[in-house]
Structures are given as C-alpha cells and as structure tokens.
Amino acid sequence: MLGATTRLAVAAVATLFLVGGLALISVGDGATGTGLWLVVIGAGALIALAIERNRYRSEESERSFESAGPGGGEPSGRLDPRFRRTEETFIDPTTGVTMRVFVDRGTGERRYVGER
C-alpha cells in the first residue's frame, strides 16, 4: 500500500524513465538496448500504479488520495456518520490487522476500519 506522496514520487520517476528511454531509442547509436529497458521499467511502474489499489477502501477514499488506515482500510475517524459499527470482524491475512466492519443500514454499503 502506497501513500499519496510515494505514489507521486514513483509516478515522477517512472515518467522520467519512460521519456528518457524513448529519447535514447530515438537517438540510437548503441543506446537502444538501454532505452528499451528504461521504457519497460517506466511503463511497468506506471501500469502498476494504475492498477494498485489499497485493500478494503471505498472509491471515495481512493479518490481523496488520503493514506490508508491500519490494514489498508478507511482512515481512522473519517467515516460518514451514516455508517454504524457492527460486531463483525476479520483478520486481514496479509497484514494480520483485525478489521472492523461498519454498515450503512439504509443501503447495505460496507466500510472496513483496522483496529490497532
């Protein structure tokens, strides 16, 4: 799980690799192999950022670029009041953090918050 600052830094470096690699390929003169590797690494990092998603987070939280809460869930203390705490919990198999389930009883929408 990457924070917003880390995502931005990785995206900037990956873009530099991609552009630099394309420039090296266009120049040629023995730099094509190096340029190709830079393009592959840069494109791979950008693709990974595009599909990487923090676990157990709502689309709203993802769009806000806030750092994830414990276990990759919603940021602690940031839930809309319509979400009510339930007795349902589970342990995230990757992080080992106990996740608490909150539900909007009107829509059935669920949110997950890590318990420390």
PDB file of N, CA and C in Angstrom:
ATOM      1  N   MET A   1       0.834  -1.164   0.000  1.00  0.00           N
ATOM      2  CA  MET A   1       0.000   0.000   0.000  1.00  0.00           C
ATOM      3  C   MET A   1       0.887   1.238   0.000  1.00  0.00           C
ATOM      4  N   LEU A   2       0.639   2.070  -0.934  1.00  0.00           N
ATOM      5  CA  LEU A   2       1.461   3.261  -1.080  1.00  0.00           C
ATOM      6  C   LEU A   2       0.699   4.493  -0.639  1.00  0.00           C
ATOM      7  N   GLY A   3       1.405   5.407   0.012  1.00  0.00           N
ATOM      8  CA  GLY A   3       0.821   6.688   0.374  1.00  0.00           C
ATOM      9  C   GLY A   3       0.799   7.610  -0.835  1.00  0.00           C
ATOM     10  N   ALA A   4       0.106   8.718  -0.712  1.00  0.00           N
ATOM     11  CA  ALA A   4      -0.035   9.652  -1.831  1.00  0.00           C
ATOM     12  C   ALA A   4       1.312  10.219  -2.263  1.00  0.00           C
ATOM     13  N   THR A   5       2.181  10.550  -1.313  1.00  0.00           N
ATOM     14  CA  THR A   5       3.491  11.113  -1.651  1.00  0.00           C
ATOM     15  C   THR A   5       4.345  10.078  -2.368  1.00  0.00           C
ATOM     16  N   THR A   6       4.307   8.844  -1.890  1.00  0.00           N
ATOM     17  CA  THR A   6       5.084   7.781  -2.530  1.00  0.00           C
ATOM     18  C   THR A   6       4.578   7.528  -3.940  1.00  0.00           C
ATOM     19  N   ARG A   7       3.265   7.492  -4.124  1.00  0.00           N
ATOM     20  CA  ARG A   7       2.700   7.293  -5.466  1.00  0.00           C
ATOM     21  C   ARG A   7       3.162   8.390  -6.426  1.00  0.00           C
ATOM     22  N   LEU A   8       3.138   9.625  -5.945  1.00  0.00           N
ATOM     23  CA  LEU A   8       3.556  10.751  -6.782  1.00  0.00           C
ATOM     24  C   LEU A   8       5.033  10.637  -7.145  1.00  0.00           C
ATOM     25  N   ALA A   9       5.865  10.281  -6.189  1.00  0.00           N
ATOM     26  CA  ALA A   9       7.300  10.141  -6.444  1.00  0.00           C
ATOM     27  C   ALA A   9       7.567   9.009  -7.438  1.00  0.00           C
ATOM     28  N   VAL A  10       6.907   7.875  -7.240  1.00  0.00           N
ATOM     29  CA  VAL A  10       7.086   6.744  -8.157  1.00  0.00           C
ATOM     30  C   VAL A  10       6.611   7.113  -9.556  1.00  0.00           C
ATOM     31  N   ALA A  11       5.492   7.811  -9.652  1.00  0.00           N
ATOM     32  CA  ALA A  11       4.975   8.230 -10.960  1.00  0.00           C
ATOM     33  C   ALA A  11       5.945   9.179 -11.651  1.00  0.00           C
ATOM     34  N   ALA A  12       6.548  10.100 -10.910  1.00  0.00           N
ATOM     35  CA  ALA A  12       7.501  11.051 -11.497  1.00  0.00           C
ATOM     36  C   ALA A  12       8.742  10.329 -12.020  1.00  0.00           C
ATOM     37  N   VAL A  13       9.289   9.436 -11.213  1.00  0.00           N
ATOM     38  CA  VAL A  13      10.492   8.697 -11.638  1.00  0.00           C
ATOM     39  C   VAL A  13      10.164   7.792 -12.823  1.00  0.00           C
ATOM     40  N   ALA A  14       9.018   7.108 -12.768  1.00  0.00           N
ATOM     41  CA  ALA A  14       8.635   6.219 -13.868  1.00  0.00           C
ATOM     42  C   ALA A  14       8.446   7.002 -15.166  1.00  0.00           C
ATOM     43  N   THR A  15       7.874   8.184 -15.075  1.00  0.00           N
ATOM     44  CA  THR A  15       7.692   9.024 -16.265  1.00  0.00           C
ATOM     45  C   THR A  15       9.042   9.452 -16.825  1.00  0.00           C
ATOM     46  N   LEU A  16       9.972   9.813 -15.961  1.00  0.00           N
ATOM     47  CA  LEU A  16      11.325  10.168 -16.415  1.00  0.00           C
ATOM     48  C   LEU A  16      11.993   8.982 -17.107  1.00  0.00           C
ATOM     49  N   PHE A  17      11.851   7.788 -16.535  1.00  0.00           N
ATOM     50  CA  PHE A  17      12.413   6.591 -17.167  1.00  0.00           C
ATOM     51  C   PHE A  17      11.799   6.384 -18.550  1.00  0.00           C
ATOM     52  N   LEU A  18      10.495   6.502 -18.638  1.00  0.00           N
ATOM     53  CA  LEU A  18       9.801   6.277 -19.898  1.00  0.00           C
ATOM     54  C   LEU A  18      10.230   7.280 -20.961  1.00  0.00           C
ATOM     55  N   VAL A  19      10.221   8.551 -20.616  1.00  0.00           N
ATOM     56  CA  VAL A  19      10.601   9.597 -21.574  1.00  0.00           C
ATOM     57  C   VAL A  19      12.079   9.476 -21.939  1.00  0.00           C
ATOM     58  N   GLY A  20      12.920   9.261 -20.928  1.00  0.00           N
ATOM     59  CA  GLY A  20      14.353   9.100 -21.190  1.00  0.00           C
ATOM     60  C   GLY A  20      14.639   7.897 -22.066  1.00  0.00           C
ATOM     61  N   GLY A  21      13.931   6.807 -21.811  1.00  0.00           N
ATOM     62  CA  GLY A  21      14.116   5.613 -22.630  1.00  0.00           C
ATOM     63  C   GLY A  21      13.699   5.832 -24.073  1.00  0.00           C
ATOM     64  N   LEU A  22      12.579   6.520 -24.249  1.00  0.00           N
ATOM     65  CA  LEU A  22      12.142   6.826 -25.617  1.00  0.00           C
ATOM     66  C   LEU A  22      13.149   7.730 -26.326  1.00  0.00           C
ATOM     67  N   ALA A  23      13.724   8.679 -25.585  1.00  0.00           N
ATOM     68  CA  ALA A  23      14.738   9.563 -26.171  1.00  0.00           C
ATOM     69  C   ALA A  23      15.971   8.766 -26.584  1.00  0.00           C
ATOM     70  N   LEU A  24      16.417   7.840 -25.733  1.00  0.00           N
ATOM     71  CA  LEU A  24      17.580   7.016 -26.074  1.00  0.00           C
ATOM     72  C   LEU A  24      17.313   6.130 -27.282  1.00  0.00           C
ATOM     73  N   ILE A  25      16.103   5.588 -27.366  1.00  0.00           N
ATOM     74  CA  ILE A  25      15.754   4.748 -28.511  1.00  0.00           C
ATOM     75  C   ILE A  25      15.761   5.572 -29.787  1.00  0.00           C
ATOM     76  N   SER A  26      15.258   6.801 -29.707  1.00  0.00           N
ATOM     77  CA  SER A  26      15.208   7.641 -30.920  1.00  0.00           C
ATOM     78  C   SER A  26      16.601   8.063 -31.377  1.00  0.00           C
ATOM     79  N   VAL A  27      17.533   8.199 -30.442  1.00  0.00           N
ATOM     80  CA  VAL A  27      18.908   8.576 -30.795  1.00  0.00           C
ATOM     81  C   VAL A  27      19.638   7.417 -31.448  1.00  0.00           C
ATOM     82  N   GLY A  28      19.381   6.209 -30.934  1.00  0.00           N
ATOM     83  CA  GLY A  28      20.040   5.025 -31.473  1.00  0.00           C
ATOM     84  C   GLY A  28      21.479   4.955 -31.000  1.00  0.00           C
ATOM     85  N   ASP A  29      22.417   4.693 -31.888  1.00  0.00           N
ATOM     86  CA  ASP A  29      23.858   4.658 -31.601  1.00  0.00           C
ATOM     87  C   ASP A  29      24.206   3.780 -30.406  1.00  0.00           C
ATOM     88  N   GLY A  30      23.701   2.576 -30.344  1.00  0.00           N
ATOM     89  CA  GLY A  30      24.059   1.646 -29.286  1.00  0.00           C
ATOM     90  C   GLY A  30      23.306   1.843 -27.984  1.00  0.00           C
ATOM     91  N   ALA A  31      22.516   2.896 -27.877  1.00  0.00           N
ATOM     92  CA  ALA A  31      21.775   3.147 -26.642  1.00  0.00           C
ATOM     93  C   ALA A  31      20.374   2.563 -26.694  1.00  0.00           C
ATOM     94  N   THR A  32      20.039   1.880 -27.788  1.00  0.00           N
ATOM     95  CA  THR A  32      18.689   1.350 -27.960  1.00  0.00           C
ATOM     96  C   THR A  32      18.351   0.329 -26.887  1.00  0.00           C
ATOM     97  N   GLY A  33      19.285  -0.548 -26.548  1.00  0.00           N
ATOM     98  CA  GLY A  33      19.041  -1.571 -25.522  1.00  0.00           C
ATOM     99  C   GLY A  33      18.754  -0.948 -24.161  1.00  0.00           C
ATOM    100  N   THR A  34      19.575   0.028 -23.794  1.00  0.00           N
ATOM    101  CA  THR A  34      19.359   0.725 -22.524  1.00  0.00           C
ATOM    102  C   THR A  34      18.030   1.464 -22.543  1.00  0.00           C
ATOM    103  N   GLY A  35      17.744   2.132 -23.645  1.00  0.00           N
ATOM    104  CA  GLY A  35      16.488   2.861 -23.772  1.00  0.00           C
ATOM    105  C   GLY A  35      15.286   1.947 -23.657  1.00  0.00           C
ATOM    106  N   LEU A  36      15.394   0.773 -24.260  1.00  0.00           N
ATOM    107  CA  LEU A  36      14.294  -0.193 -24.201  1.00  0.00           C
ATOM    108  C   LEU A  36      14.043  -0.632 -22.759  1.00  0.00           C
ATOM    109  N   TRP A  37      15.114  -0.890 -22.010  1.00  0.00           N
ATOM    110  CA  TRP A  37      14.953  -1.272 -20.607  1.00  0.00           C
ATOM    111  C   TRP A  37      14.314  -0.153 -19.798  1.00  0.00           C
ATOM    112  N   LEU A  38      14.704   1.078 -20.048  1.00  0.00           N
ATOM    113  CA  LEU A  38      14.111   2.199 -19.329  1.00  0.00           C
ATOM    114  C   LEU A  38      12.620   2.333 -19.646  1.00  0.00           C
ATOM    115  N   VAL A  39      12.260   2.129 -20.896  1.00  0.00           N
ATOM    116  CA  VAL A  39      10.850   2.186 -21.290  1.00  0.00           C
ATOM    117  C   VAL A  39      10.056   1.082 -20.595  1.00  0.00           C
ATOM    118  N   VAL A  40      10.597  -0.130 -20.579  1.00  0.00           N
ATOM    119  CA  VAL A  40       9.905  -1.262 -19.942  1.00  0.00           C
ATOM    120  C   VAL A  40       9.726  -1.008 -18.447  1.00  0.00           C
ATOM    121  N   ILE A  41      10.776  -0.548 -17.776  1.00  0.00           N
ATOM    122  CA  ILE A  41      10.691  -0.293 -16.339  1.00  0.00           C
ATOM    123  C   ILE A  41       9.717   0.855 -16.052  1.00  0.00           C
ATOM    124  N   GLY A  42       9.823   1.943 -16.800  1.00  0.00           N
ATOM    125  CA  GLY A  42       8.937   3.084 -16.595  1.00  0.00           C
ATOM    126  C   GLY A  42       7.485   2.740 -16.858  1.00  0.00           C
ATOM    127  N   ALA A  43       7.231   2.054 -17.971  1.00  0.00           N
ATOM    128  CA  ALA A  43       5.853   1.668 -18.307  1.00  0.00           C
ATOM    129  C   ALA A  43       5.311   0.678 -17.277  1.00  0.00           C
ATOM    130  N   GLY A  44       6.141  -0.260 -16.853  1.00  0.00           N
ATOM    131  CA  GLY A  44       5.709  -1.237 -15.845  1.00  0.00           C
ATOM    132  C   GLY A  44       5.316  -0.570 -14.536  1.00  0.00           C
ATOM    133  N   ALA A  45       6.119   0.402 -14.104  1.00  0.00           N
ATOM    134  CA  ALA A  45       5.809   1.110 -12.859  1.00  0.00           C
ATOM    135  C   ALA A  45       4.523   1.916 -12.997  1.00  0.00           C
ATOM    136  N   LEU A  46       4.319   2.570 -14.133  1.00  0.00           N
ATOM    137  CA  LEU A  46       3.086   3.343 -14.333  1.00  0.00           C
ATOM    138  C   LEU A  46       1.855   2.439 -14.389  1.00  0.00           C
ATOM    139  N   ILE A  47       1.994   1.296 -15.018  1.00  0.00           N
ATOM    140  CA  ILE A  47       0.880   0.342 -15.067  1.00  0.00           C
ATOM    141  C   ILE A  47       0.575  -0.182 -13.666  1.00  0.00           C
ATOM    142  N   ALA A  48       1.620  -0.494 -12.902  1.00  0.00           N
ATOM    143  CA  ALA A  48       1.420  -0.982 -11.534  1.00  0.00           C
ATOM    144  C   ALA A  48       0.716   0.065 -10.683  1.00  0.00           C
ATOM    145  N   LEU A  49       1.090   1.327 -10.843  1.00  0.00           N
ATOM    146  CA  LEU A  49       0.415   2.393 -10.089  1.00  0.00           C
ATOM    147  C   LEU A  49      -1.047   2.520 -10.490  1.00  0.00           C
ATOM    148  N   ALA A  50      -1.316   2.309 -11.758  1.00  0.00           N
ATOM    149  CA  ALA A  50      -2.700   2.443 -12.234  1.00  0.00           C
ATOM    150  C   ALA A  50      -3.599   1.344 -11.678  1.00  0.00           C
ATOM    151  N   ILE A  51      -3.052   0.137 -11.503  1.00  0.00           N
ATOM    152  CA  ILE A  51      -3.900  -0.959 -11.039  1.00  0.00           C
ATOM    153  C   ILE A  51      -3.766  -1.222  -9.545  1.00  0.00           C
ATOM    154  N   GLU A  52      -2.749  -0.639  -8.904  1.00  0.00           N
ATOM    155  CA  GLU A  52      -2.569  -0.827  -7.466  1.00  0.00           C
ATOM    156  C   GLU A  52      -3.698  -0.132  -6.728  1.00  0.00           C
ATOM    157  N   ARG A  53      -4.244  -0.816  -5.769  1.00  0.00           N
ATOM    158  CA  ARG A  53      -5.356  -0.255  -5.013  1.00  0.00           C
ATOM    159  C   ARG A  53      -5.216  -0.749  -3.590  1.00  0.00           C
ATOM    160  N   ASN A  54      -5.467   0.141  -2.658  1.00  0.00           N
ATOM    161  CA  ASN A  54      -5.425  -0.264  -1.266  1.00  0.00           C
ATOM    162  C   ASN A  54      -6.628  -1.133  -0.960  1.00  0.00           C
ATOM    163  N   ARG A  55      -6.412  -2.155  -0.165  1.00  0.00           N
ATOM    164  CA  ARG A  55      -7.478  -3.097   0.151  1.00  0.00           C
ATOM    165  C   ARG A  55      -8.484  -2.479   1.105  1.00  0.00           C
ATOM    166  N   TYR A  56      -9.710  -2.915   0.978  1.00  0.00           N
ATOM    167  CA  TYR A  56     -10.780  -2.562   1.913  1.00  0.00           C
ATOM    168  C   TYR A  56     -11.093  -1.076   1.952  1.00  0.00           C
ATOM    169  N   ARG A  57     -10.867  -0.352   0.888  1.00  0.00           N
ATOM    170  CA  ARG A  57     -11.151   1.081   0.875  1.00  0.00           C
ATOM    171  C   ARG A  57     -12.259   1.387  -0.098  1.00  0.00           C
ATOM    172  N   SER A  58     -13.037   2.401   0.229  1.00  0.00           N
ATOM    173  CA  SER A  58     -14.116   2.835  -0.649  1.00  0.00           C
ATOM    174  C   SER A  58     -13.533   3.643  -1.810  1.00  0.00           C
ATOM    175  N   GLU A  59     -14.307   3.770  -2.862  1.00  0.00           N
ATOM    176  CA  GLU A  59     -13.881   4.590  -4.003  1.00  0.00           C
ATOM    177  C   GLU A  59     -13.668   6.039  -3.571  1.00  0.00           C
ATOM    178  N   GLU A  60     -14.510   6.518  -2.670  1.00  0.00           N
ATOM    179  CA  GLU A  60     -14.391   7.890  -2.170  1.00  0.00           C
ATOM    180  C   GLU A  60     -13.032   8.112  -1.503  1.00  0.00           C
ATOM    181  N   SER A  61     -12.601   7.164  -0.689  1.00  0.00           N
ATOM    182  CA  SER A  61     -11.298   7.277  -0.028  1.00  0.00           C
ATOM    183  C   SER A  61     -10.159   7.195  -1.033  1.00  0.00           C
ATOM    184  N   GLU A  62     -10.307   6.336  -2.025  1.00  0.00           N
ATOM    185  CA  GLU A  62      -9.275   6.211  -3.047  1.00  0.00           C
ATOM    186  C   GLU A  62      -9.099   7.516  -3.819  1.00  0.00           C
ATOM    187  N   ARG A  63     -10.210   8.173  -4.152  1.00  0.00           N
ATOM    188  CA  ARG A  63     -10.146   9.424  -4.914  1.00  0.00           C
ATOM    189  C   ARG A  63      -9.552  10.568  -4.102  1.00  0.00           C
ATOM    190  N   SER A  64      -9.641  10.485  -2.770  1.00  0.00           N
ATOM    191  CA  SER A  64      -9.124  11.569  -1.928  1.00  0.00           C
ATOM    192  C   SER A  64      -7.611  11.507  -1.772  1.00  0.00           C
ATOM    193  N   PHE A  65      -6.997  10.381  -2.140  1.00  0.00           N
ATOM    194  CA  PHE A  65      -5.557  10.169  -2.025  1.00  0.00           C
ATOM    195  C   PHE A  65      -5.046  10.276  -0.595  1.00  0.00           C
ATOM    196  N   GLU A  66      -5.945  10.089   0.398  1.00  0.00           N
ATOM    197  CA  GLU A  66      -5.507  10.045   1.789  1.00  0.00           C
ATOM    198  C   GLU A  66      -4.786   8.727   2.026  1.00  0.00           C
ATOM    199  N   SER A  67      -3.875   8.729   2.973  1.00  0.00           N
ATOM    200  CA  SER A  67      -3.202   7.490   3.326  1.00  0.00           C
ATOM    201  C   SER A  67      -4.211   6.515   3.911  1.00  0.00           C
ATOM    202  N   ALA A  68      -3.977   5.243   3.665  1.00  0.00           N
ATOM    203  CA  ALA A  68      -4.874   4.214   4.168  1.00  0.00           C
ATOM    204  C   ALA A  68      -4.751   4.092   5.674  1.00  0.00           C
ATOM    205  N   GLY A  69      -5.815   3.640   6.278  1.00  0.00           N
ATOM    206  CA  GLY A  69      -5.795   3.360   7.703  1.00  0.00           C
ATOM    207  C   GLY A  69      -5.096   2.032   7.951  1.00  0.00           C
ATOM    208  N   PRO A  70      -5.064   1.574   9.200  1.00  0.00           N
ATOM    209  CA  PRO A  70      -4.428   0.299   9.512  1.00  0.00           C
ATOM    210  C   PRO A  70      -5.031  -0.841   8.692  1.00  0.00           C
ATOM    211  N   GLY A  71      -4.190  -1.716   8.192  1.00  0.00           N
ATOM    212  CA  GLY A  71      -4.664  -2.865   7.425  1.00  0.00           C
ATOM    213  C   GLY A  71      -5.149  -2.520   6.035  1.00  0.00           C
ATOM    214  N   GLY A  72      -4.963  -1.282   5.597  1.00  0.00           N
ATOM    215  CA  GLY A  72      -5.395  -0.880   4.266  1.00  0.00           C
ATOM    216  C   GLY A  72      -6.835  -0.439   4.187  1.00  0.00           C
ATOM    217  N   GLY A  73      -7.475  -0.247   5.331  1.00  0.00           N
ATOM    218  CA  GLY A  73      -8.881   0.155   5.349  1.00  0.00           C
ATOM    219  C   GLY A  73      -9.058   1.661   5.302  1.00  0.00           C
ATOM    220  N   GLU A  74     -10.252   2.073   5.663  1.00  0.00           N
ATOM    221  CA  GLU A  74     -10.580   3.500   5.696  1.00  0.00           C
ATOM    222  C   GLU A  74      -9.710   4.203   6.746  1.00  0.00           C
ATOM    223  N   PRO A  75      -9.388   5.469   6.522  1.00  0.00           N
ATOM    224  CA  PRO A  75      -8.651   6.210   7.549  1.00  0.00           C
ATOM    225  C   PRO A  75      -9.460   6.262   8.844  1.00  0.00           C
ATOM    226  N   SER A  76      -8.812   6.042   9.967  1.00  0.00           N
ATOM    227  CA  SER A  76      -9.498   6.024  11.262  1.00  0.00           C
ATOM    228  C   SER A  76     -10.162   7.366  11.542  1.00  0.00           C
ATOM    229  N   GLY A  77     -11.379   7.318  12.059  1.00  0.00           N
ATOM    230  CA  GLY A  77     -12.104   8.528  12.431  1.00  0.00           C
ATOM    231  C   GLY A  77     -12.648   9.331  11.268  1.00  0.00           C
ATOM    232  N   ARG A  78     -12.624   8.795  10.062  1.00  0.00           N
ATOM    233  CA  ARG A  78     -13.059   9.533   8.881  1.00  0.00           C
ATOM    234  C   ARG A  78     -14.352   9.018   8.265  1.00  0.00           C
ATOM    235  N   LEU A  79     -15.064   8.120   8.949  1.00  0.00           N
ATOM    236  CA  LEU A  79     -16.275   7.561   8.373  1.00  0.00           C
ATOM    237  C   LEU A  79     -17.453   8.523   8.487  1.00  0.00           C
ATOM    238  N   ASP A  80     -18.285   8.513   7.468  1.00  0.00           N
ATOM    239  CA  ASP A  80     -19.534   9.265   7.475  1.00  0.00           C
ATOM    240  C   ASP A  80     -20.400   8.724   8.613  1.00  0.00           C
ATOM    241  N   PRO A  81     -21.121   9.588   9.326  1.00  0.00           N
ATOM    242  CA  PRO A  81     -21.933   9.133  10.467  1.00  0.00           C
ATOM    243  C   PRO A  81     -23.010   8.110  10.114  1.00  0.00           C
ATOM    244  N   ARG A  82     -23.359   7.985   8.847  1.00  0.00           N
ATOM    245  CA  ARG A  82     -24.390   7.007   8.471  1.00  0.00           C
ATOM    246  C   ARG A  82     -23.901   5.565   8.626  1.00  0.00           C
ATOM    247  N   PHE A  83     -22.589   5.369   8.747  1.00  0.00           N
ATOM    248  CA  PHE A  83     -22.040   4.030   8.922  1.00  0.00           C
ATOM    249  C   PHE A  83     -22.022   3.673  10.399  1.00  0.00           C
ATOM    250  N   ARG A  84     -22.620   2.534  10.716  1.00  0.00           N
ATOM    251  CA  ARG A  84     -22.720   2.072  12.102  1.00  0.00           C
ATOM    252  C   ARG A  84     -21.812   0.870  12.316  1.00  0.00           C
ATOM    253  N   ARG A  85     -21.183   0.858  13.456  1.00  0.00           N
ATOM    254  CA  ARG A  85     -20.278  -0.227  13.834  1.00  0.00           C
ATOM    255  C   ARG A  85     -21.073  -1.520  13.984  1.00  0.00           C
ATOM    256  N   THR A  86     -20.515  -2.625  13.480  1.00  0.00           N
ATOM    257  CA  THR A  86     -21.129  -3.941  13.663  1.00  0.00           C
ATOM    258  C   THR A  86     -20.202  -4.776  14.547  1.00  0.00           C
ATOM    259  N   GLU A  87     -20.646  -5.941  14.908  1.00  0.00           N
ATOM    260  CA  GLU A  87     -19.817  -6.865  15.684  1.00  0.00           C
ATOM    261  C   GLU A  87     -18.929  -7.719  14.780  1.00  0.00           C
ATOM    262  N   GLU A  88     -19.099  -7.551  13.467  1.00  0.00           N
ATOM    263  CA  GLU A  88     -18.338  -8.362  12.520  1.00  0.00           C
ATOM    264  C   GLU A  88     -16.899  -7.873  12.430  1.00  0.00           C
ATOM    265  N   THR A  89     -15.957  -8.787  12.590  1.00  0.00           N
ATOM    266  CA  THR A  89     -14.535  -8.508  12.416  1.00  0.00           C
ATOM    267  C   THR A  89     -13.904  -9.660  11.643  1.00  0.00           C
ATOM    268  N   PHE A  90     -12.760  -9.401  11.083  1.00  0.00           N
ATOM    269  CA  PHE A  90     -11.964 -10.446  10.453  1.00  0.00           C
ATOM    270  C   PHE A  90     -10.509 -10.011  10.496  1.00  0.00           C
ATOM    271  N   ILE A  91      -9.626 -10.952  10.347  1.00  0.00           N
ATOM    272  CA  ILE A  91      -8.190 -10.648  10.350  1.00  0.00           C
ATOM    273  C   ILE A  91      -7.706 -10.647   8.912  1.00  0.00           C
ATOM    274  N   ASP A  92      -7.120  -9.521   8.503  1.00  0.00           N
ATOM    275  CA  ASP A  92      -6.572  -9.428   7.154  1.00  0.00           C
ATOM    276  C   ASP A  92      -5.403 -10.408   7.051  1.00  0.00           C
ATOM    277  N   PRO A  93      -5.443 -11.339   6.101  1.00  0.00           N
ATOM    278  CA  PRO A  93      -4.401 -12.360   6.029  1.00  0.00           C
ATOM    279  C   PRO A  93      -3.021 -11.813   5.639  1.00  0.00           C
ATOM    280  N   THR A  94      -2.971 -10.676   5.001  1.00  0.00           N
ATOM    281  CA  THR A  94      -1.692 -10.109   4.571  1.00  0.00           C
ATOM    282  C   THR A  94      -1.003  -9.334   5.679  1.00  0.00           C
ATOM    283  N   THR A  95      -1.759  -8.498   6.387  1.00  0.00           N
ATOM    284  CA  THR A  95      -1.157  -7.621   7.403  1.00  0.00           C
ATOM    285  C   THR A  95      -1.335  -8.133   8.821  1.00  0.00           C
ATOM    286  N   GLY A  96      -2.281  -9.043   9.038  1.00  0.00           N
ATOM    287  CA  GLY A  96      -2.555  -9.540  10.382  1.00  0.00           C
ATOM    288  C   GLY A  96      -3.355  -8.567  11.235  1.00  0.00           C
ATOM    289  N   VAL A  97      -3.856  -7.477  10.633  1.00  0.00           N
ATOM    290  CA  VAL A  97      -4.632  -6.471  11.358  1.00  0.00           C
ATOM    291  C   VAL A  97      -6.090  -6.907  11.434  1.00  0.00           C
ATOM    292  N   THR A  98      -6.691  -6.741  12.611  1.00  0.00           N
ATOM    293  CA  THR A  98      -8.117  -7.020  12.765  1.00  0.00           C
ATOM    294  C   THR A  98      -8.909  -5.876  12.143  1.00  0.00           C
ATOM    295  N   MET A  99      -9.811  -6.216  11.241  1.00  0.00           N
ATOM    296  CA  MET A  99     -10.611  -5.231  10.534  1.00  0.00           C
ATOM    297  C   MET A  99     -12.036  -5.258  11.100  1.00  0.00           C
ATOM    298  N   ARG A 100     -12.574  -4.077  11.404  1.00  0.00           N
ATOM    299  CA  ARG A 100     -13.948  -3.925  11.914  1.00  0.00           C
ATOM    300  C   ARG A 100     -14.849  -3.512  10.751  1.00  0.00           C
ATOM    301  N   VAL A 101     -16.029  -4.092  10.671  1.00  0.00           N
ATOM    302  CA  VAL A 101     -16.975  -3.788   9.600  1.00  0.00           C
ATOM    303  C   VAL A 101     -17.984  -2.751  10.095  1.00  0.00           C
ATOM    304  N   PHE A 102     -18.215  -1.726   9.261  1.00  0.00           N
ATOM    305  CA  PHE A 102     -19.234  -0.708   9.501  1.00  0.00           C
ATOM    306  C   PHE A 102     -20.204  -0.773   8.336  1.00  0.00           C
ATOM    307  N   VAL A 103     -21.501  -0.596   8.615  1.00  0.00           N
ATOM    308  CA  VAL A 103     -22.521  -0.740   7.574  1.00  0.00           C
ATOM    309  C   VAL A 103     -23.459   0.459   7.580  1.00  0.00           C
ATOM    310  N   ASP A 104     -23.831   0.899   6.374  1.00  0.00           N
ATOM    311  CA  ASP A 104     -24.919   1.866   6.207  1.00  0.00           C
ATOM    312  C   ASP A 104     -26.190   1.023   6.107  1.00  0.00           C
ATOM    313  N   ARG A 105     -26.998   1.047   7.125  1.00  0.00           N
ATOM    314  CA  ARG A 105     -28.174   0.178   7.178  1.00  0.00           C
ATOM    315  C   ARG A 105     -29.202   0.513   6.090  1.00  0.00           C
ATOM    316  N   GLY A 106     -29.158   1.716   5.571  1.00  0.00           N
ATOM    317  CA  GLY A 106     -30.096   2.110   4.517  1.00  0.00           C
ATOM    318  C   GLY A 106     -29.755   1.506   3.167  1.00  0.00           C
ATOM    319  N   THR A 107     -28.469   1.431   2.846  1.00  0.00           N
ATOM    320  CA  THR A 107     -28.049   0.955   1.531  1.00  0.00           C
ATOM    321  C   THR A 107     -27.334  -0.388   1.566  1.00  0.00           C
ATOM    322  N   GLY A 108     -26.860  -0.799   2.747  1.00  0.00           N
ATOM    323  CA  GLY A 108     -26.093  -2.039   2.847  1.00  0.00           C
ATOM    324  C   GLY A 108     -24.620  -1.855   2.514  1.00  0.00           C
ATOM    325  N   GLU A 109     -24.242  -0.632   2.196  1.00  0.00           N
ATOM    326  CA  GLU A 109     -22.844  -0.340   1.858  1.00  0.00           C
ATOM    327  C   GLU A 109     -21.964  -0.591   3.077  1.00  0.00           C
ATOM    328  N   ARG A 110     -20.777  -1.146   2.840  1.00  0.00           N
ATOM    329  CA  ARG A 110     -19.893  -1.523   3.935  1.00  0.00           C
ATOM    330  C   ARG A 110     -18.583  -0.736   3.869  1.00  0.00           C
ATOM    331  N   ARG A 111     -18.006  -0.515   5.037  1.00  0.00           N
ATOM    332  CA  ARG A 111     -16.683   0.105   5.162  1.00  0.00           C
ATOM    333  C   ARG A 111     -15.884  -0.743   6.156  1.00  0.00           C
ATOM    334  N   TYR A 112     -14.571  -0.752   5.977  1.00  0.00           N
ATOM    335  CA  TYR A 112     -13.704  -1.555   6.817  1.00  0.00           C
ATOM    336  C   TYR A 112     -12.653  -0.663   7.460  1.00  0.00           C
ATOM    337  N   VAL A 113     -12.536  -0.773   8.784  1.00  0.00           N
ATOM    338  CA  VAL A 113     -11.579   0.044   9.533  1.00  0.00           C
ATOM    339  C   VAL A 113     -10.709  -0.891  10.360  1.00  0.00           C
ATOM    340  N   GLY A 114      -9.392  -0.710  10.240  1.00  0.00           N
ATOM    341  CA  GLY A 114      -8.474  -1.534  11.013  1.00  0.00           C
ATOM    342  C   GLY A 114      -8.461  -1.133  12.478  1.00  0.00           C
ATOM    343  N   GLU A 115      -8.413  -2.140  13.343  1.00  0.00           N
ATOM    344  CA  GLU A 115      -8.317  -1.876  14.773  1.00  0.00           C
ATOM    345  C   GLU A 115      -6.876  -2.090  15.182  1.00  0.00           C
ATOM    346  N   ARG A 116      -6.342  -1.169  15.939  1.00  0.00           N
ATOM    347  CA  ARG A 116      -4.923  -1.275  16.327  1.00  0.00           C
ATOM    348  C   ARG A 116      -4.743  -2.147  17.519  1.00  0.00           C
TER     349      ARG A 116
END
